[in-house]
Amino acid sequence: MKPDVVVLNVNMPVLNGFEAAREIKAALPQSAIVILSQHADKHFVEEAKKLGVRAYVAKTKAGEALIKAIEAAVLGKDFVLFA
C-alpha cells in the first residue's frame, strides 16, 4: 500500500505512533502523517514534527479539526490543534 495520508495514535499496542511515523516516513516519504492523540502537550508536537508529521490533533478536538488536519497534511501544510 502507498497511502496518501496515515492517521496514527501515539499510544498503539505494537509500535507507538512516533515509532510508526519514523518507519512510514522511511519507507513512504510521500505519505502525509497525522497524529491524533490524547496527549495535548507541545513536547509531543515537537517530537512529531521532528519525525516529519504534518498534523497533530488532540482527540478532544478531533470532531472539529480532524478533516482539516488531513486536508492540510495532504497539501503539505502543517496543522496543529492540541489545546
N, C-alpha and C. Protein backbone atom coordinates (compact mmCIF):
# COMPACT_ATOMS: atom_id res chain seq x y z
N MET A 1 0.83 -1.18 0.00
CA MET A 1 0.00 0.00 0.00
C MET A 1 0.87 1.25 0.00
N LYS A 2 0.38 2.26 -0.69
CA LYS A 2 1.06 3.55 -0.72
C LYS A 2 0.03 4.64 -0.41
N PRO A 3 -0.34 4.78 0.88
CA PRO A 3 -1.38 5.75 1.23
C PRO A 3 -0.93 7.20 1.06
N ASP A 4 -1.90 8.05 0.70
CA ASP A 4 -1.64 9.49 0.64
C ASP A 4 -1.49 10.06 2.04
N VAL A 5 -2.26 9.51 2.97
CA VAL A 5 -2.26 10.00 4.35
C VAL A 5 -2.45 8.83 5.30
N VAL A 6 -1.78 8.93 6.45
CA VAL A 6 -1.89 7.93 7.51
C VAL A 6 -2.22 8.67 8.80
N VAL A 7 -3.26 8.21 9.50
CA VAL A 7 -3.63 8.79 10.78
C VAL A 7 -3.19 7.80 11.86
N LEU A 8 -2.38 8.28 12.79
CA LEU A 8 -1.84 7.44 13.85
C LEU A 8 -2.21 7.98 15.22
N ASN A 9 -2.29 7.08 16.16
CA ASN A 9 -2.43 7.43 17.56
C ASN A 9 -1.04 7.35 18.18
N VAL A 10 -0.76 8.09 19.22
CA VAL A 10 0.53 7.97 19.89
C VAL A 10 0.61 6.63 20.62
N ASN A 11 -0.44 6.27 21.33
CA ASN A 11 -0.46 5.02 22.09
C ASN A 11 -1.08 3.91 21.24
N MET A 12 -0.22 3.02 20.75
CA MET A 12 -0.68 1.87 19.96
C MET A 12 0.00 0.63 20.53
N PRO A 13 -0.58 -0.54 20.32
CA PRO A 13 -0.09 -1.74 21.00
C PRO A 13 1.31 -2.24 20.60
N VAL A 14 1.66 -2.26 19.34
CA VAL A 14 2.95 -2.83 18.93
C VAL A 14 4.02 -1.75 18.82
N LEU A 15 3.79 -0.78 17.97
CA LEU A 15 4.67 0.39 17.85
C LEU A 15 3.89 1.60 18.32
N ASN A 16 4.55 2.52 19.02
CA ASN A 16 3.82 3.74 19.33
C ASN A 16 3.76 4.59 18.07
N GLY A 17 2.96 5.62 18.08
CA GLY A 17 2.75 6.44 16.89
C GLY A 17 4.03 7.08 16.36
N PHE A 18 4.94 7.44 17.26
CA PHE A 18 6.19 8.05 16.82
C PHE A 18 7.08 7.03 16.11
N GLU A 19 7.15 5.82 16.66
CA GLU A 19 7.94 4.77 16.01
C GLU A 19 7.34 4.42 14.65
N ALA A 20 6.02 4.32 14.61
CA ALA A 20 5.34 4.02 13.34
C ALA A 20 5.57 5.13 12.32
N ALA A 21 5.49 6.39 12.76
CA ALA A 21 5.73 7.52 11.86
C ALA A 21 7.14 7.46 11.29
N ARG A 22 8.11 7.15 12.12
CA ARG A 22 9.50 7.05 11.67
C ARG A 22 9.63 5.99 10.58
N GLU A 23 9.02 4.84 10.79
CA GLU A 23 9.10 3.75 9.81
C GLU A 23 8.35 4.09 8.52
N ILE A 24 7.19 4.71 8.66
CA ILE A 24 6.40 5.08 7.48
C ILE A 24 7.15 6.11 6.65
N LYS A 25 7.70 7.14 7.29
CA LYS A 25 8.44 8.17 6.55
C LYS A 25 9.66 7.59 5.84
N ALA A 26 10.31 6.61 6.46
CA ALA A 26 11.47 5.99 5.83
C ALA A 26 11.07 5.19 4.59
N ALA A 27 9.96 4.48 4.69
CA ALA A 27 9.51 3.62 3.58
C ALA A 27 8.68 4.38 2.55
N LEU A 28 7.90 5.35 2.99
CA LEU A 28 6.97 6.08 2.12
C LEU A 28 7.05 7.58 2.40
N PRO A 29 8.14 8.22 2.01
CA PRO A 29 8.30 9.64 2.36
C PRO A 29 7.22 10.55 1.80
N GLN A 30 6.52 10.12 0.76
CA GLN A 30 5.46 10.95 0.17
C GLN A 30 4.16 10.90 0.97
N SER A 31 4.01 9.94 1.86
CA SER A 31 2.78 9.83 2.65
C SER A 31 2.74 10.90 3.74
N ALA A 32 1.63 11.59 3.84
CA ALA A 32 1.42 12.58 4.89
C ALA A 32 0.97 11.85 6.15
N ILE A 33 1.49 12.27 7.29
CA ILE A 33 1.14 11.63 8.55
C ILE A 33 0.44 12.63 9.46
N VAL A 34 -0.66 12.17 10.04
CA VAL A 34 -1.43 12.94 11.01
C VAL A 34 -1.44 12.15 12.31
N ILE A 35 -1.13 12.81 13.40
CA ILE A 35 -1.21 12.19 14.72
C ILE A 35 -2.48 12.68 15.39
N LEU A 36 -3.25 11.73 15.89
CA LEU A 36 -4.47 12.01 16.67
C LEU A 36 -4.18 11.42 18.05
N SER A 37 -4.15 12.26 19.07
CA SER A 37 -3.68 11.79 20.37
C SER A 37 -4.40 12.41 21.54
N GLN A 38 -4.41 11.67 22.62
CA GLN A 38 -4.93 12.21 23.88
C GLN A 38 -3.90 13.12 24.55
N HIS A 39 -2.66 13.08 24.07
CA HIS A 39 -1.59 13.88 24.65
C HIS A 39 -1.60 15.29 24.06
N ALA A 40 -2.15 16.22 24.77
CA ALA A 40 -2.21 17.61 24.33
C ALA A 40 -1.04 18.37 24.97
N ASP A 41 0.14 18.14 24.41
CA ASP A 41 1.36 18.66 25.01
C ASP A 41 2.32 19.09 23.91
N LYS A 42 2.90 20.28 24.03
CA LYS A 42 3.77 20.79 22.98
C LYS A 42 5.00 19.93 22.76
N HIS A 43 5.45 19.19 23.78
CA HIS A 43 6.61 18.31 23.61
C HIS A 43 6.29 17.16 22.65
N PHE A 44 5.08 16.67 22.71
CA PHE A 44 4.66 15.62 21.78
C PHE A 44 4.60 16.18 20.36
N VAL A 45 4.10 17.40 20.23
CA VAL A 45 4.02 18.04 18.92
C VAL A 45 5.42 18.25 18.35
N GLU A 46 6.33 18.72 19.17
CA GLU A 46 7.71 18.94 18.71
C GLU A 46 8.35 17.64 18.25
N GLU A 47 8.15 16.56 19.01
CA GLU A 47 8.70 15.26 18.63
C GLU A 47 8.10 14.80 17.31
N ALA A 48 6.80 14.99 17.15
CA ALA A 48 6.13 14.59 15.91
C ALA A 48 6.70 15.36 14.72
N LYS A 49 6.90 16.65 14.87
CA LYS A 49 7.44 17.46 13.77
C LYS A 49 8.83 17.01 13.36
N LYS A 50 9.65 16.63 14.35
CA LYS A 50 11.00 16.13 14.05
C LYS A 50 10.95 14.89 13.16
N LEU A 51 9.86 14.14 13.27
CA LEU A 51 9.70 12.90 12.50
C LEU A 51 9.04 13.12 11.15
N GLY A 52 8.68 14.37 10.85
CA GLY A 52 8.05 14.66 9.57
C GLY A 52 6.53 14.59 9.58
N VAL A 53 5.95 14.53 10.76
CA VAL A 53 4.49 14.52 10.88
C VAL A 53 3.98 15.91 10.48
N ARG A 54 2.97 15.96 9.61
CA ARG A 54 2.44 17.24 9.11
C ARG A 54 1.37 17.82 10.02
N ALA A 55 0.61 16.95 10.72
CA ALA A 55 -0.51 17.46 11.52
C ALA A 55 -0.61 16.70 12.84
N TYR A 56 -1.02 17.40 13.87
CA TYR A 56 -1.17 16.83 15.20
C TYR A 56 -2.45 17.39 15.79
N VAL A 57 -3.36 16.51 16.17
CA VAL A 57 -4.65 16.93 16.70
C VAL A 57 -4.94 16.18 17.99
N ALA A 58 -5.32 16.92 19.02
CA ALA A 58 -5.76 16.29 20.26
C ALA A 58 -7.11 15.62 20.03
N LYS A 59 -7.30 14.48 20.66
CA LYS A 59 -8.57 13.76 20.48
C LYS A 59 -9.76 14.61 20.89
N THR A 60 -9.57 15.48 21.86
CA THR A 60 -10.68 16.34 22.30
C THR A 60 -11.09 17.34 21.23
N LYS A 61 -10.23 17.55 20.23
CA LYS A 61 -10.51 18.48 19.14
C LYS A 61 -10.80 17.78 17.82
N ALA A 62 -10.82 16.47 17.83
CA ALA A 62 -10.97 15.69 16.59
C ALA A 62 -12.24 16.02 15.82
N GLY A 63 -13.35 16.17 16.51
CA GLY A 63 -14.61 16.44 15.84
C GLY A 63 -14.60 17.71 15.02
N GLU A 64 -13.90 18.70 15.50
CA GLU A 64 -13.87 19.98 14.79
C GLU A 64 -12.68 20.13 13.84
N ALA A 65 -11.66 19.27 13.99
CA ALA A 65 -10.42 19.57 13.26
C ALA A 65 -9.80 18.42 12.47
N LEU A 66 -10.23 17.19 12.65
CA LEU A 66 -9.52 16.08 12.01
C LEU A 66 -9.54 16.18 10.49
N ILE A 67 -10.67 16.49 9.90
CA ILE A 67 -10.75 16.60 8.44
C ILE A 67 -9.85 17.73 7.95
N LYS A 68 -9.86 18.86 8.64
CA LYS A 68 -9.00 19.98 8.26
C LYS A 68 -7.53 19.59 8.37
N ALA A 69 -7.18 18.85 9.40
CA ALA A 69 -5.80 18.41 9.59
C ALA A 69 -5.36 17.48 8.46
N ILE A 70 -6.23 16.56 8.09
CA ILE A 70 -5.91 15.63 6.99
C ILE A 70 -5.74 16.39 5.68
N GLU A 71 -6.65 17.31 5.40
CA GLU A 71 -6.55 18.11 4.17
C GLU A 71 -5.26 18.90 4.14
N ALA A 72 -4.91 19.53 5.25
CA ALA A 72 -3.67 20.31 5.31
C ALA A 72 -2.46 19.42 5.09
N ALA A 73 -2.43 18.28 5.75
CA ALA A 73 -1.29 17.37 5.63
C ALA A 73 -1.10 16.89 4.20
N VAL A 74 -2.20 16.55 3.54
CA VAL A 74 -2.11 16.08 2.16
C VAL A 74 -1.58 17.18 1.24
N LEU A 75 -1.89 18.42 1.57
CA LEU A 75 -1.40 19.56 0.77
C LEU A 75 0.01 19.99 1.17
N GLY A 76 0.62 19.27 2.13
CA GLY A 76 1.98 19.60 2.56
C GLY A 76 2.07 20.72 3.55
N LYS A 77 0.94 21.05 4.19
CA LYS A 77 0.92 22.13 5.17
C LYS A 77 0.89 21.55 6.58
N ASP A 78 1.41 22.31 7.51
CA ASP A 78 1.36 21.91 8.93
C ASP A 78 0.02 22.33 9.53
N PHE A 79 -0.45 21.50 10.48
CA PHE A 79 -1.68 21.80 11.18
C PHE A 79 -1.53 21.26 12.59
N VAL A 80 -1.75 22.11 13.59
CA VAL A 80 -1.64 21.68 14.98
C VAL A 80 -2.82 22.26 15.74
N LEU A 81 -3.51 21.39 16.48
CA LEU A 81 -4.57 21.83 17.36
C LEU A 81 -4.58 20.87 18.54
N PHE A 82 -4.07 21.33 19.67
CA PHE A 82 -3.98 20.44 20.82
C PHE A 82 -4.44 21.07 22.12
N ALA A 83 -4.78 22.33 22.12
CA ALA A 83 -5.20 22.98 23.36
C ALA A 83 -6.69 23.09 23.45
